[in-house]
Amino acid sequence: MNEPGPSRLALLRFLERVQERDLARTRRWIADEERRETERQRGLKARPATPQWLIDVGLNPQAPPLFVHVGDCWMAGKRSRAVSRDQARRALADGVKACRQCQPDTALGMLD
C-alpha cells in the first residue's frame, strides 16, 4: 500500500524540464517584444514630419477653410491639410480665422 514515490532525482529532473519550458517561453516573449519594438521604431522613422502649418476645411471641400493652425495644434481637425508658411499667411490675410488655442497669427507675426 505504501508505494515509494518518485525519487528526489526524478523530481529534480521534472523541475528542470518545467523550468526549461518556462525559460523557452520567456525567451519567445522577449523575441516577440524585440520584434515589436523594432517595428515601432521603424514606423516612427518612416512617419512624415509634422507640418508647420495646417488649414482646417469643413465637411464641404468647396467651402472656404475654417481655421489656420500651427502644425502641432491639438485643436486641428481630421480634415486639416498641411500648407506652407506663405499659404498660411495668405489664408489669414484672406480672412480665414486663426485658431484661438495655437494662435498661428502670432507665430506668423500677423497681429492686427
PDB file of N, CA and C in Angstrom:
ATOM      1  N   MET A   1       0.800  -1.183   0.000  1.00  0.00           N
ATOM      2  CA  MET A   1       0.000   0.000   0.000  1.00  0.00           C
ATOM      3  C   MET A   1       0.850   1.257   0.000  1.00  0.00           C
ATOM      4  N   ASN A   2       1.844   1.260   0.756  1.00  0.00           N
ATOM      5  CA  ASN A   2       2.726   2.403   0.818  1.00  0.00           C
ATOM      6  C   ASN A   2       3.820   2.287  -0.228  1.00  0.00           C
ATOM      7  N   GLU A   3       3.464   2.654  -1.453  1.00  0.00           N
ATOM      8  CA  GLU A   3       4.461   2.576  -2.512  1.00  0.00           C
ATOM      9  C   GLU A   3       5.348   3.799  -2.443  1.00  0.00           C
ATOM     10  N   PRO A   4       6.622   3.590  -2.653  1.00  0.00           N
ATOM     11  CA  PRO A   4       7.510   4.746  -2.619  1.00  0.00           C
ATOM     12  C   PRO A   4       7.217   5.654  -3.807  1.00  0.00           C
ATOM     13  N   GLY A   5       7.260   6.968  -3.576  1.00  0.00           N
ATOM     14  CA  GLY A   5       7.031   7.946  -4.640  1.00  0.00           C
ATOM     15  C   GLY A   5       8.268   8.075  -5.519  1.00  0.00           C
ATOM     16  N   PRO A   6       8.217   9.015  -6.437  1.00  0.00           N
ATOM     17  CA  PRO A   6       9.366   9.210  -7.301  1.00  0.00           C
ATOM     18  C   PRO A   6      10.579   9.630  -6.473  1.00  0.00           C
ATOM     19  N   SER A   7      11.729   9.295  -6.980  1.00  0.00           N
ATOM     20  CA  SER A   7      12.953   9.637  -6.244  1.00  0.00           C
ATOM     21  C   SER A   7      13.187  11.145  -6.286  1.00  0.00           C
ATOM     22  N   ARG A   8      13.990  11.599  -5.397  1.00  0.00           N
ATOM     23  CA  ARG A   8      14.351  13.026  -5.351  1.00  0.00           C
ATOM     24  C   ARG A   8      14.977  13.443  -6.672  1.00  0.00           C
ATOM     25  N   LEU A   9      15.808  12.598  -7.252  1.00  0.00           N
ATOM     26  CA  LEU A   9      16.448  12.915  -8.522  1.00  0.00           C
ATOM     27  C   LEU A   9      15.405  13.034  -9.638  1.00  0.00           C
ATOM     28  N   ALA A  10      14.415  12.172  -9.658  1.00  0.00           N
ATOM     29  CA  ALA A  10      13.358  12.227 -10.667  1.00  0.00           C
ATOM     30  C   ALA A  10      12.568  13.537 -10.530  1.00  0.00           C
ATOM     31  N   LEU A  11      12.293  13.933  -9.297  1.00  0.00           N
ATOM     32  CA  LEU A  11      11.576  15.190  -9.073  1.00  0.00           C
ATOM     33  C   LEU A  11      12.400  16.386  -9.537  1.00  0.00           C
ATOM     34  N   LEU A  12      13.692  16.364  -9.266  1.00  0.00           N
ATOM     35  CA  LEU A  12      14.558  17.459  -9.700  1.00  0.00           C
ATOM     36  C   LEU A  12      14.644  17.517 -11.228  1.00  0.00           C
ATOM     37  N   ARG A  13      14.691  16.368 -11.903  1.00  0.00           N
ATOM     38  CA  ARG A  13      14.706  16.334 -13.370  1.00  0.00           C
ATOM     39  C   ARG A  13      13.393  16.901 -13.928  1.00  0.00           C
ATOM     40  N   PHE A  14      12.285  16.571 -13.274  1.00  0.00           N
ATOM     41  CA  PHE A  14      10.986  17.109 -13.686  1.00  0.00           C
ATOM     42  C   PHE A  14      10.986  18.634 -13.548  1.00  0.00           C
ATOM     43  N   LEU A  15      11.448  19.134 -12.421  1.00  0.00           N
ATOM     44  CA  LEU A  15      11.531  20.573 -12.189  1.00  0.00           C
ATOM     45  C   LEU A  15      12.398  21.237 -13.246  1.00  0.00           C
ATOM     46  N   GLU A  16      13.487  20.602 -13.593  1.00  0.00           N
ATOM     47  CA  GLU A  16      14.384  21.139 -14.615  1.00  0.00           C
ATOM     48  C   GLU A  16      13.658  21.275 -15.958  1.00  0.00           C
ATOM     49  N   ARG A  17      12.889  20.265 -16.357  1.00  0.00           N
ATOM     50  CA  ARG A  17      12.147  20.318 -17.623  1.00  0.00           C
ATOM     51  C   ARG A  17      11.114  21.445 -17.605  1.00  0.00           C
ATOM     52  N   VAL A  18      10.422  21.593 -16.481  1.00  0.00           N
ATOM     53  CA  VAL A  18       9.427  22.662 -16.361  1.00  0.00           C
ATOM     54  C   VAL A  18      10.115  24.022 -16.486  1.00  0.00           C
ATOM     55  N   GLN A  19      11.228  24.197 -15.803  1.00  0.00           N
ATOM     56  CA  GLN A  19      11.923  25.472 -15.859  1.00  0.00           C
ATOM     57  C   GLN A  19      12.507  25.757 -17.246  1.00  0.00           C
ATOM     58  N   GLU A  20      12.975  24.728 -17.939  1.00  0.00           N
ATOM     59  CA  GLU A  20      13.471  24.913 -19.310  1.00  0.00           C
ATOM     60  C   GLU A  20      12.340  25.355 -20.237  1.00  0.00           C
ATOM     61  N   ARG A  21      11.161  24.763 -20.066  1.00  0.00           N
ATOM     62  CA  ARG A  21       9.997  25.181 -20.856  1.00  0.00           C
ATOM     63  C   ARG A  21       9.630  26.628 -20.551  1.00  0.00           C
ATOM     64  N   ASP A  22       9.635  26.986 -19.263  1.00  0.00           N
ATOM     65  CA  ASP A  22       9.329  28.362 -18.876  1.00  0.00           C
ATOM     66  C   ASP A  22      10.355  29.338 -19.450  1.00  0.00           C
ATOM     67  N   LEU A  23      11.627  28.953 -19.396  1.00  0.00           N
ATOM     68  CA  LEU A  23      12.681  29.810 -19.932  1.00  0.00           C
ATOM     69  C   LEU A  23      12.527  29.970 -21.447  1.00  0.00           C
ATOM     70  N   ALA A  24      12.202  28.893 -22.148  1.00  0.00           N
ATOM     71  CA  ALA A  24      11.995  28.969 -23.599  1.00  0.00           C
ATOM     72  C   ALA A  24      10.822  29.898 -23.920  1.00  0.00           C
ATOM     73  N   ARG A  25       9.744  29.782 -23.151  1.00  0.00           N
ATOM     74  CA  ARG A  25       8.584  30.652 -23.350  1.00  0.00           C
ATOM     75  C   ARG A  25       8.951  32.115 -23.093  1.00  0.00           C
ATOM     76  N   THR A  26       9.679  32.370 -22.029  1.00  0.00           N
ATOM     77  CA  THR A  26      10.101  33.732 -21.719  1.00  0.00           C
ATOM     78  C   THR A  26      10.983  34.286 -22.826  1.00  0.00           C
ATOM     79  N   ARG A  27      11.874  33.471 -23.366  1.00  0.00           N
ATOM     80  CA  ARG A  27      12.736  33.920 -24.461  1.00  0.00           C
ATOM     81  C   ARG A  27      11.916  34.227 -25.714  1.00  0.00           C
ATOM     82  N   ARG A  28      10.853  33.467 -25.977  1.00  0.00           N
ATOM     83  CA  ARG A  28       9.959  33.775 -27.108  1.00  0.00           C
ATOM     84  C   ARG A  28       9.261  35.107 -26.883  1.00  0.00           C
ATOM     85  N   TRP A  29       8.814  35.331 -25.650  1.00  0.00           N
ATOM     86  CA  TRP A  29       8.171  36.605 -25.337  1.00  0.00           C
ATOM     87  C   TRP A  29       9.143  37.763 -25.559  1.00  0.00           C
ATOM     88  N   ILE A  30      10.371  37.590 -25.127  1.00  0.00           N
ATOM     89  CA  ILE A  30      11.386  38.633 -25.309  1.00  0.00           C
ATOM     90  C   ILE A  30      11.621  38.876 -26.800  1.00  0.00           C
ATOM     91  N   ALA A  31      11.757  37.811 -27.584  1.00  0.00           N
ATOM     92  CA  ALA A  31      11.981  37.953 -29.031  1.00  0.00           C
ATOM     93  C   ALA A  31      10.794  38.660 -29.690  1.00  0.00           C
ATOM     94  N   ASP A  32       9.571  38.303 -29.284  1.00  0.00           N
ATOM     95  CA  ASP A  32       8.383  38.961 -29.836  1.00  0.00           C
ATOM     96  C   ASP A  32       8.381  40.445 -29.493  1.00  0.00           C
ATOM     97  N   GLU A  33       8.719  40.758 -28.260  1.00  0.00           N
ATOM     98  CA  GLU A  33       8.737  42.162 -27.836  1.00  0.00           C
ATOM     99  C   GLU A  33       9.824  42.942 -28.564  1.00  0.00           C
ATOM    100  N   GLU A  34      10.985  42.326 -28.766  1.00  0.00           N
ATOM    101  CA  GLU A  34      12.057  42.984 -29.521  1.00  0.00           C
ATOM    102  C   GLU A  34      11.619  43.235 -30.960  1.00  0.00           C
ATOM    103  N   ARG A  35      10.903  42.294 -31.552  1.00  0.00           N
ATOM    104  CA  ARG A  35      10.399  42.458 -32.917  1.00  0.00           C
ATOM    105  C   ARG A  35       9.393  43.613 -32.975  1.00  0.00           C
ATOM    106  N   ARG A  36       8.481  43.659 -32.000  1.00  0.00           N
ATOM    107  CA  ARG A  36       7.502  44.750 -31.965  1.00  0.00           C
ATOM    108  C   ARG A  36       8.186  46.105 -31.790  1.00  0.00           C
ATOM    109  N   GLU A  37       9.180  46.156 -30.926  1.00  0.00           N
ATOM    110  CA  GLU A  37       9.889  47.411 -30.701  1.00  0.00           C
ATOM    111  C   GLU A  37      10.634  47.851 -31.956  1.00  0.00           C
ATOM    112  N   THR A  38      11.242  46.914 -32.669  1.00  0.00           N
ATOM    113  CA  THR A  38      11.929  47.233 -33.916  1.00  0.00           C
ATOM    114  C   THR A  38      10.941  47.793 -34.937  1.00  0.00           C
ATOM    115  N   GLU A  39       9.763  47.168 -35.040  1.00  0.00           N
ATOM    116  CA  GLU A  39       8.739  47.647 -35.963  1.00  0.00           C
ATOM    117  C   GLU A  39       8.242  49.033 -35.551  1.00  0.00           C
ATOM    118  N   ARG A  40       8.078  49.254 -34.254  1.00  0.00           N
ATOM    119  CA  ARG A  40       7.630  50.564 -33.767  1.00  0.00           C
ATOM    120  C   ARG A  40       8.655  51.639 -34.117  1.00  0.00           C
ATOM    121  N   GLN A  41       9.930  51.340 -33.898  1.00  0.00           N
ATOM    122  CA  GLN A  41      10.991  52.298 -34.224  1.00  0.00           C
ATOM    123  C   GLN A  41      11.026  52.581 -35.728  1.00  0.00           C
ATOM    124  N   ARG A  42      10.857  51.530 -36.534  1.00  0.00           N
ATOM    125  CA  ARG A  42      10.838  51.705 -37.993  1.00  0.00           C
ATOM    126  C   ARG A  42       9.666  52.598 -38.387  1.00  0.00           C
ATOM    127  N   GLY A  43       8.519  52.386 -37.753  1.00  0.00           N
ATOM    128  CA  GLY A  43       7.346  53.214 -38.035  1.00  0.00           C
ATOM    129  C   GLY A  43       7.562  54.663 -37.646  1.00  0.00           C
ATOM    130  N   LEU A  44       8.213  54.890 -36.512  1.00  0.00           N
ATOM    131  CA  LEU A  44       8.493  56.264 -36.091  1.00  0.00           C
ATOM    132  C   LEU A  44       9.429  56.964 -37.070  1.00  0.00           C
ATOM    133  N   LYS A  45      10.414  56.238 -37.572  1.00  0.00           N
ATOM    134  CA  LYS A  45      11.358  56.831 -38.524  1.00  0.00           C
ATOM    135  C   LYS A  45      10.688  57.112 -39.867  1.00  0.00           C
ATOM    136  N   ALA A  46       9.722  56.274 -40.247  1.00  0.00           N
ATOM    137  CA  ALA A  46       9.057  56.429 -41.537  1.00  0.00           C
ATOM    138  C   ALA A  46       7.921  57.451 -41.490  1.00  0.00           C
ATOM    139  N   ARG A  47       7.535  57.855 -40.290  1.00  0.00           N
ATOM    140  CA  ARG A  47       6.423  58.795 -40.145  1.00  0.00           C
ATOM    141  C   ARG A  47       6.804  60.137 -40.770  1.00  0.00           C
ATOM    142  N   PRO A  48       5.893  60.714 -41.541  1.00  0.00           N
ATOM    143  CA  PRO A  48       6.209  62.024 -42.122  1.00  0.00           C
ATOM    144  C   PRO A  48       6.356  63.071 -41.027  1.00  0.00           C
ATOM    145  N   ALA A  49       7.159  64.055 -41.317  1.00  0.00           N
ATOM    146  CA  ALA A  49       7.386  65.131 -40.349  1.00  0.00           C
ATOM    147  C   ALA A  49       6.089  65.891 -40.098  1.00  0.00           C
ATOM    148  N   THR A  50       5.939  66.422 -38.898  1.00  0.00           N
ATOM    149  CA  THR A  50       4.778  67.237 -38.572  1.00  0.00           C
ATOM    150  C   THR A  50       4.840  68.510 -39.396  1.00  0.00           C
ATOM    151  N   PRO A  51       3.743  68.834 -40.085  1.00  0.00           N
ATOM    152  CA  PRO A  51       3.764  70.070 -40.875  1.00  0.00           C
ATOM    153  C   PRO A  51       3.846  71.285 -39.957  1.00  0.00           C
ATOM    154  N   GLN A  52       4.385  72.363 -40.475  1.00  0.00           N
ATOM    155  CA  GLN A  52       4.488  73.573 -39.655  1.00  0.00           C
ATOM    156  C   GLN A  52       3.151  74.304 -39.555  1.00  0.00           C
ATOM    157  N   TRP A  53       2.322  74.194 -40.611  1.00  0.00           N
ATOM    158  CA  TRP A  53       1.062  74.931 -40.648  1.00  0.00           C
ATOM    159  C   TRP A  53      -0.028  74.032 -41.206  1.00  0.00           C
ATOM    160  N   LEU A  54      -1.238  74.227 -40.703  1.00  0.00           N
ATOM    161  CA  LEU A  54      -2.392  73.446 -41.148  1.00  0.00           C
ATOM    162  C   LEU A  54      -3.557  74.379 -41.439  1.00  0.00           C
ATOM    163  N   ILE A  55      -4.382  73.962 -42.377  1.00  0.00           N
ATOM    164  CA  ILE A  55      -5.647  74.660 -42.625  1.00  0.00           C
ATOM    165  C   ILE A  55      -6.750  73.632 -42.461  1.00  0.00           C
ATOM    166  N   ASP A  56      -7.715  73.988 -41.607  1.00  0.00           N
ATOM    167  CA  ASP A  56      -8.883  73.144 -41.360  1.00  0.00           C
ATOM    168  C   ASP A  56      -9.932  73.441 -42.416  1.00  0.00           C
ATOM    169  N   VAL A  57     -10.403  72.400 -43.076  1.00  0.00           N
ATOM    170  CA  VAL A  57     -11.509  72.565 -44.016  1.00  0.00           C
ATOM    171  C   VAL A  57     -12.714  71.855 -43.421  1.00  0.00           C
ATOM    172  N   GLY A  58     -13.879  72.274 -43.803  1.00  0.00           N
ATOM    173  CA  GLY A  58     -15.096  71.684 -43.252  1.00  0.00           C
ATOM    174  C   GLY A  58     -15.516  70.434 -43.998  1.00  0.00           C
ATOM    175  N   LEU A  59     -16.765  70.046 -43.797  1.00  0.00           N
ATOM    176  CA  LEU A  59     -17.309  68.865 -44.465  1.00  0.00           C
ATOM    177  C   LEU A  59     -17.402  69.062 -45.969  1.00  0.00           C
ATOM    178  N   ASN A  60     -17.683  70.282 -46.376  1.00  0.00           N
ATOM    179  CA  ASN A  60     -17.793  70.598 -47.796  1.00  0.00           C
ATOM    180  C   ASN A  60     -16.431  71.086 -48.300  1.00  0.00           C
ATOM    181  N   PRO A  61     -15.762  70.298 -49.122  1.00  0.00           N
ATOM    182  CA  PRO A  61     -14.430  70.705 -49.582  1.00  0.00           C
ATOM    183  C   PRO A  61     -14.454  71.967 -50.452  1.00  0.00           C
ATOM    184  N   GLN A  62     -15.618  72.325 -51.009  1.00  0.00           N
ATOM    185  CA  GLN A  62     -15.702  73.536 -51.818  1.00  0.00           C
ATOM    186  C   GLN A  62     -15.911  74.787 -50.956  1.00  0.00           C
ATOM    187  N   ALA A  63     -16.273  74.613 -49.703  1.00  0.00           N
ATOM    188  CA  ALA A  63     -16.487  75.746 -48.805  1.00  0.00           C
ATOM    189  C   ALA A  63     -15.136  76.339 -48.413  1.00  0.00           C
ATOM    190  N   PRO A  64     -15.118  77.598 -48.016  1.00  0.00           N
ATOM    191  CA  PRO A  64     -13.853  78.205 -47.597  1.00  0.00           C
ATOM    192  C   PRO A  64     -13.294  77.511 -46.346  1.00  0.00           C
ATOM    193  N   PRO A  65     -11.986  77.576 -46.163  1.00  0.00           N
ATOM    194  CA  PRO A  65     -11.375  76.970 -44.972  1.00  0.00           C
ATOM    195  C   PRO A  65     -11.929  77.586 -43.691  1.00  0.00           C
ATOM    196  N   LEU A  66     -11.841  76.809 -42.607  1.00  0.00           N
ATOM    197  CA  LEU A  66     -12.394  77.261 -41.331  1.00  0.00           C
ATOM    198  C   LEU A  66     -11.356  77.946 -40.449  1.00  0.00           C
ATOM    199  N   PHE A  67     -10.194  77.300 -40.275  1.00  0.00           N
ATOM    200  CA  PHE A  67      -9.176  77.813 -39.359  1.00  0.00           C
ATOM    201  C   PHE A  67      -7.777  77.546 -39.892  1.00  0.00           C
ATOM    202  N   VAL A  68      -6.851  78.377 -39.451  1.00  0.00           N
ATOM    203  CA  VAL A  68      -5.425  78.140 -39.666  1.00  0.00           C
ATOM    204  C   VAL A  68      -4.862  77.715 -38.319  1.00  0.00           C
ATOM    205  N   HIS A  69      -3.994  76.706 -38.333  1.00  0.00           N
ATOM    206  CA  HIS A  69      -3.384  76.185 -37.107  1.00  0.00           C
ATOM    207  C   HIS A  69      -1.870  76.089 -37.264  1.00  0.00           C
ATOM    208  N   VAL A  70      -1.171  76.142 -36.129  1.00  0.00           N
ATOM    209  CA  VAL A  70       0.231  75.740 -36.095  1.00  0.00           C
ATOM    210  C   VAL A  70       0.228  74.219 -36.261  1.00  0.00           C
ATOM    211  N   GLY A  71       1.238  73.673 -36.880  1.00  0.00           N
ATOM    212  CA  GLY A  71       1.252  72.267 -37.280  1.00  0.00           C
ATOM    213  C   GLY A  71       0.957  71.251 -36.194  1.00  0.00           C
ATOM    214  N   ASP A  72       1.358  71.500 -34.958  1.00  0.00           N
ATOM    215  CA  ASP A  72       1.147  70.503 -33.904  1.00  0.00           C
ATOM    216  C   ASP A  72      -0.022  70.851 -32.979  1.00  0.00           C
ATOM    217  N   CYS A  73      -0.923  71.694 -33.448  1.00  0.00           N
ATOM    218  CA  CYS A  73      -2.064  72.118 -32.623  1.00  0.00           C
ATOM    219  C   CYS A  73      -2.995  70.945 -32.350  1.00  0.00           C
ATOM    220  N   TRP A  74      -3.369  70.790 -31.098  1.00  0.00           N
ATOM    221  CA  TRP A  74      -4.254  69.692 -30.720  1.00  0.00           C
ATOM    222  C   TRP A  74      -5.694  69.954 -31.143  1.00  0.00           C
ATOM    223  N   MET A  75      -6.008  71.176 -31.531  1.00  0.00           N
ATOM    224  CA  MET A  75      -7.376  71.512 -31.952  1.00  0.00           C
ATOM    225  C   MET A  75      -7.603  71.278 -33.453  1.00  0.00           C
ATOM    226  N   ALA A  76      -6.542  71.016 -34.192  1.00  0.00           N
ATOM    227  CA  ALA A  76      -6.693  70.801 -35.630  1.00  0.00           C
ATOM    228  C   ALA A  76      -7.547  69.557 -35.862  1.00  0.00           C
ATOM    229  N   GLY A  77      -8.469  69.666 -36.791  1.00  0.00           N
ATOM    230  CA  GLY A  77      -9.381  68.555 -37.058  1.00  0.00           C
ATOM    231  C   GLY A  77      -8.792  67.525 -37.998  1.00  0.00           C
ATOM    232  N   LYS A  78      -9.567  66.477 -38.206  1.00  0.00           N
ATOM    233  CA  LYS A  78      -9.130  65.396 -39.103  1.00  0.00           C
ATOM    234  C   LYS A  78      -9.142  65.845 -40.554  1.00  0.00           C
ATOM    235  N   ARG A  79      -9.827  66.907 -40.850  1.00  0.00           N
ATOM    236  CA  ARG A  79      -9.896  67.400 -42.223  1.00  0.00           C
ATOM    237  C   ARG A  79      -8.896  68.527 -42.454  1.00  0.00           C
ATOM    238  N   SER A  80      -7.827  68.531 -41.700  1.00  0.00           N
ATOM    239  CA  SER A  80      -6.790  69.543 -41.882  1.00  0.00           C
ATOM    240  C   SER A  80      -5.826  69.093 -42.960  1.00  0.00           C
ATOM    241  N   ARG A  81      -5.260  70.064 -43.642  1.00  0.00           N
ATOM    242  CA  ARG A  81      -4.223  69.738 -44.623  1.00  0.00           C
ATOM    243  C   ARG A  81      -3.021  70.632 -44.384  1.00  0.00           C
ATOM    244  N   ALA A  82      -1.865  70.096 -44.673  1.00  0.00           N
ATOM    245  CA  ALA A  82      -0.618  70.831 -44.485  1.00  0.00           C
ATOM    246  C   ALA A  82      -0.502  71.914 -45.548  1.00  0.00           C
ATOM    247  N   VAL A  83      -0.009  73.066 -45.112  1.00  0.00           N
ATOM    248  CA  VAL A  83       0.244  74.172 -46.039  1.00  0.00           C
ATOM    249  C   VAL A  83       1.579  74.801 -45.711  1.00  0.00           C
ATOM    250  N   SER A  84       2.085  75.573 -46.648  1.00  0.00           N
ATOM    251  CA  SER A  84       3.349  76.277 -46.438  1.00  0.00           C
ATOM    252  C   SER A  84       3.113  77.512 -45.572  1.00  0.00           C
ATOM    253  N   ARG A  85       4.182  78.116 -45.121  1.00  0.00           N
ATOM    254  CA  ARG A  85       4.105  79.343 -44.331  1.00  0.00           C
ATOM    255  C   ARG A  85       3.390  80.434 -45.129  1.00  0.00           C
ATOM    256  N   ASP A  86       3.749  80.576 -46.406  1.00  0.00           N
ATOM    257  CA  ASP A  86       3.128  81.606 -47.236  1.00  0.00           C
ATOM    258  C   ASP A  86       1.632  81.350 -47.411  1.00  0.00           C
ATOM    259  N   GLN A  87       1.244  80.087 -47.597  1.00  0.00           N
ATOM    260  CA  GLN A  87      -0.180  79.766 -47.736  1.00  0.00           C
ATOM    261  C   GLN A  87      -0.936  80.068 -46.454  1.00  0.00           C
ATOM    262  N   ALA A  88      -0.324  79.788 -45.312  1.00  0.00           N
ATOM    263  CA  ALA A  88      -0.972  80.093 -44.026  1.00  0.00           C
ATOM    264  C   ALA A  88      -1.131  81.599 -43.863  1.00  0.00           C
ATOM    265  N   ARG A  89      -0.099  82.364 -44.197  1.00  0.00           N
ATOM    266  CA  ARG A  89      -0.179  83.831 -44.105  1.00  0.00           C
ATOM    267  C   ARG A  89      -1.253  84.368 -45.046  1.00  0.00           C
ATOM    268  N   ARG A  90      -1.285  83.824 -46.253  1.00  0.00           N
ATOM    269  CA  ARG A  90      -2.268  84.271 -47.246  1.00  0.00           C
ATOM    270  C   ARG A  90      -3.688  83.961 -46.764  1.00  0.00           C
ATOM    271  N   ALA A  91      -3.889  82.774 -46.193  1.00  0.00           N
ATOM    272  CA  ALA A  91      -5.215  82.406 -45.697  1.00  0.00           C
ATOM    273  C   ALA A  91      -5.656  83.350 -44.584  1.00  0.00           C
ATOM    274  N   LEU A  92      -4.753  83.668 -43.668  1.00  0.00           N
ATOM    275  CA  LEU A  92      -5.099  84.607 -42.593  1.00  0.00           C
ATOM    276  C   LEU A  92      -5.414  85.986 -43.164  1.00  0.00           C
ATOM    277  N   ALA A  93      -4.626  86.422 -44.135  1.00  0.00           N
ATOM    278  CA  ALA A  93      -4.869  87.721 -44.764  1.00  0.00           C
ATOM    279  C   ALA A  93      -6.201  87.739 -45.516  1.00  0.00           C
ATOM    280  N   ASP A  94      -6.611  86.582 -46.037  1.00  0.00           N
ATOM    281  CA  ASP A  94      -7.877  86.485 -46.768  1.00  0.00           C
ATOM    282  C   ASP A  94      -9.078  86.296 -45.840  1.00  0.00           C
ATOM    283  N   GLY A  95      -8.861  86.289 -44.533  1.00  0.00           N
ATOM    284  CA  GLY A  95      -9.976  86.242 -43.598  1.00  0.00           C
ATOM    285  C   GLY A  95     -10.248  84.902 -42.944  1.00  0.00           C
ATOM    286  N   VAL A  96      -9.441  83.894 -43.215  1.00  0.00           N
ATOM    287  CA  VAL A  96      -9.616  82.621 -42.511  1.00  0.00           C
ATOM    288  C   VAL A  96      -9.239  82.862 -41.051  1.00  0.00           C
ATOM    289  N   LYS A  97     -10.051  82.355 -40.141  1.00  0.00           N
ATOM    290  CA  LYS A  97      -9.819  82.607 -38.717  1.00  0.00           C
ATOM    291  C   LYS A  97      -8.585  81.869 -38.210  1.00  0.00           C
ATOM    292  N   ALA A  98      -7.891  82.514 -37.294  1.00  0.00           N
ATOM    293  CA  ALA A  98      -6.757  81.883 -36.611  1.00  0.00           C
ATOM    294  C   ALA A  98      -7.289  81.095 -35.426  1.00  0.00           C
ATOM    295  N   CYS A  99      -6.741  79.912 -35.203  1.00  0.00           N
ATOM    296  CA  CYS A  99      -7.129  79.102 -34.047  1.00  0.00           C
ATOM    297  C   CYS A  99      -6.820  79.884 -32.772  1.00  0.00           C
ATOM    298  N   ARG A 100      -7.756  79.897 -31.850  1.00  0.00           N
ATOM    299  CA  ARG A 100      -7.551  80.631 -30.592  1.00  0.00           C
ATOM    300  C   ARG A 100      -6.592  79.902 -29.652  1.00  0.00           C
ATOM    301  N   GLN A 101      -6.411  78.604 -29.875  1.00  0.00           N
ATOM    302  CA  GLN A 101      -5.549  77.830 -28.985  1.00  0.00           C
ATOM    303  C   GLN A 101      -4.073  77.978 -29.353  1.00  0.00           C
ATOM    304  N   CYS A 102      -3.755  77.757 -30.615  1.00  0.00           N
ATOM    305  CA  CYS A 102      -2.336  77.765 -31.018  1.00  0.00           C
ATOM    306  C   CYS A 102      -1.877  79.120 -31.548  1.00  0.00           C
ATOM    307  N   GLN A 103      -2.795  80.016 -31.869  1.00  0.00           N
ATOM    308  CA  GLN A 103      -2.531  81.379 -32.307  1.00  0.00           C
ATOM    309  C   GLN A 103      -1.477  81.472 -33.425  1.00  0.00           C
ATOM    310  N   PRO A 104      -1.806  80.924 -34.582  1.00  0.00           N
ATOM    311  CA  PRO A 104      -0.848  80.972 -35.678  1.00  0.00           C
ATOM    312  C   PRO A 104      -0.564  82.391 -36.164  1.00  0.00           C
ATOM    313  N   ASP A 105      -1.519  83.310 -35.977  1.00  0.00           N
ATOM    314  CA  ASP A 105      -1.285  84.687 -36.386  1.00  0.00           C
ATOM    315  C   ASP A 105      -0.132  85.296 -35.595  1.00  0.00           C
ATOM    316  N   THR A 106      -0.036  84.948 -34.321  1.00  0.00           N
ATOM    317  CA  THR A 106       1.087  85.415 -33.503  1.00  0.00           C
ATOM    318  C   THR A 106       2.383  84.775 -33.985  1.00  0.00           C
ATOM    319  N   ALA A 107       2.353  83.471 -34.218  1.00  0.00           N
ATOM    320  CA  ALA A 107       3.551  82.758 -34.663  1.00  0.00           C
ATOM    321  C   ALA A 107       4.023  83.266 -36.027  1.00  0.00           C
ATOM    322  N   LEU A 108       3.088  83.716 -36.861  1.00  0.00           N
ATOM    323  CA  LEU A 108       3.444  84.229 -38.188  1.00  0.00           C
ATOM    324  C   LEU A 108       3.725  85.724 -38.185  1.00  0.00           C
ATOM    325  N   GLY A 109       3.579  86.354 -37.022  1.00  0.00           N
ATOM    326  CA  GLY A 109       3.828  87.798 -36.913  1.00  0.00           C
ATOM    327  C   GLY A 109       2.781  88.626 -37.628  1.00  0.00           C
ATOM    328  N   MET A 110       1.530  88.190 -37.587  1.00  0.00           N
ATOM    329  CA  MET A 110       0.455  88.883 -38.316  1.00  0.00           C
ATOM    330  C   MET A 110      -0.587  89.470 -37.386  1.00  0.00           C
ATOM    331  N   LEU A 111      -0.208  89.940 -36.233  1.00  0.00           N
ATOM    332  CA  LEU A 111      -1.180  90.534 -35.314  1.00  0.00           C
ATOM    333  C   LEU A 111      -1.695  91.850 -35.879  1.00  0.00           C
ATOM    334  N   ASP A 112      -2.972  92.123 -35.584  1.00  0.00           N
ATOM    335  CA  ASP A 112      -3.582  93.386 -36.072  1.00  0.00           C
ATOM    336  C   ASP A 112      -2.969  94.569 -35.372  1.00  0.00           C
TER     337      ASP A 112
END
